[in-house]
Amino acid sequence: MNVFFGIILILGVFAIYDLIRRVNQNILIQTEEIKKLQEELKLRR
């Protein structure tokens, strides 16, 4: 039973880590898109 809870805990920690990594990656991609849009707007002025 103890091993079962240990495995569940490890899987939970990994799932949280993976979720944070995905969110962070999405934020980085969106930041790059915002930079591109800002450059585009500067060129149009």
Protein backbone atom coordinates (compact mmCIF):
# COMPACT_ATOMS: atom_id res chain seq x y z
CA MET A 1 0.00 0.00 0.00
CA ASN A 2 2.88 2.35 0.79
CA VAL A 3 4.46 1.69 -2.61
CA PHE A 4 1.13 2.50 -4.27
CA PHE A 5 0.98 5.92 -2.56
CA GLY A 6 4.61 6.55 -3.49
CA ILE A 7 3.90 5.87 -7.14
CA ILE A 8 0.79 8.09 -7.04
CA LEU A 9 2.85 10.88 -5.44
CA ILE A 10 5.61 10.63 -8.05
CA LEU A 11 3.06 10.64 -10.89
CA GLY A 12 1.32 13.66 -9.36
CA VAL A 13 4.58 15.61 -9.07
CA PHE A 14 5.48 14.72 -12.66
CA ALA A 15 2.03 15.77 -13.91
CA ILE A 16 2.32 19.15 -12.15
CA TYR A 17 5.85 19.63 -13.53
CA ASP A 18 4.67 18.79 -17.06
CA LEU A 19 1.71 21.17 -16.76
CA ILE A 20 3.96 24.04 -15.61
CA ARG A 21 6.40 23.29 -18.45
CA ARG A 22 3.62 23.38 -21.05
CA VAL A 23 2.16 26.63 -19.69
CA ASN A 24 5.63 28.20 -19.66
CA GLN A 25 6.25 27.10 -23.26
CA ASN A 26 2.92 28.62 -24.34
CA ILE A 27 3.82 31.89 -22.61
CA LEU A 28 7.17 31.97 -24.44
CA ILE A 29 5.46 31.36 -27.80
CA GLN A 30 2.89 34.09 -27.13
CA THR A 31 5.66 36.51 -26.09
CA GLU A 32 7.41 35.90 -29.42
CA GLU A 33 4.14 36.50 -31.29
CA ILE A 34 3.60 39.78 -29.40
CA LYS A 35 7.14 40.91 -30.29
CA LYS A 36 6.49 40.15 -33.97
CA LEU A 37 3.21 42.08 -33.90
CA GLN A 38 4.89 45.06 -32.21
CA GLU A 39 7.61 45.10 -34.88
CA GLU A 40 4.94 44.91 -37.59
CA LEU A 41 3.09 47.87 -36.07
CA LYS A 42 6.31 49.91 -35.87
CA LEU A 43 7.00 49.27 -39.55
CA ARG A 44 3.50 50.39 -40.58
CA ARG A 45 3.74 53.80 -38.86
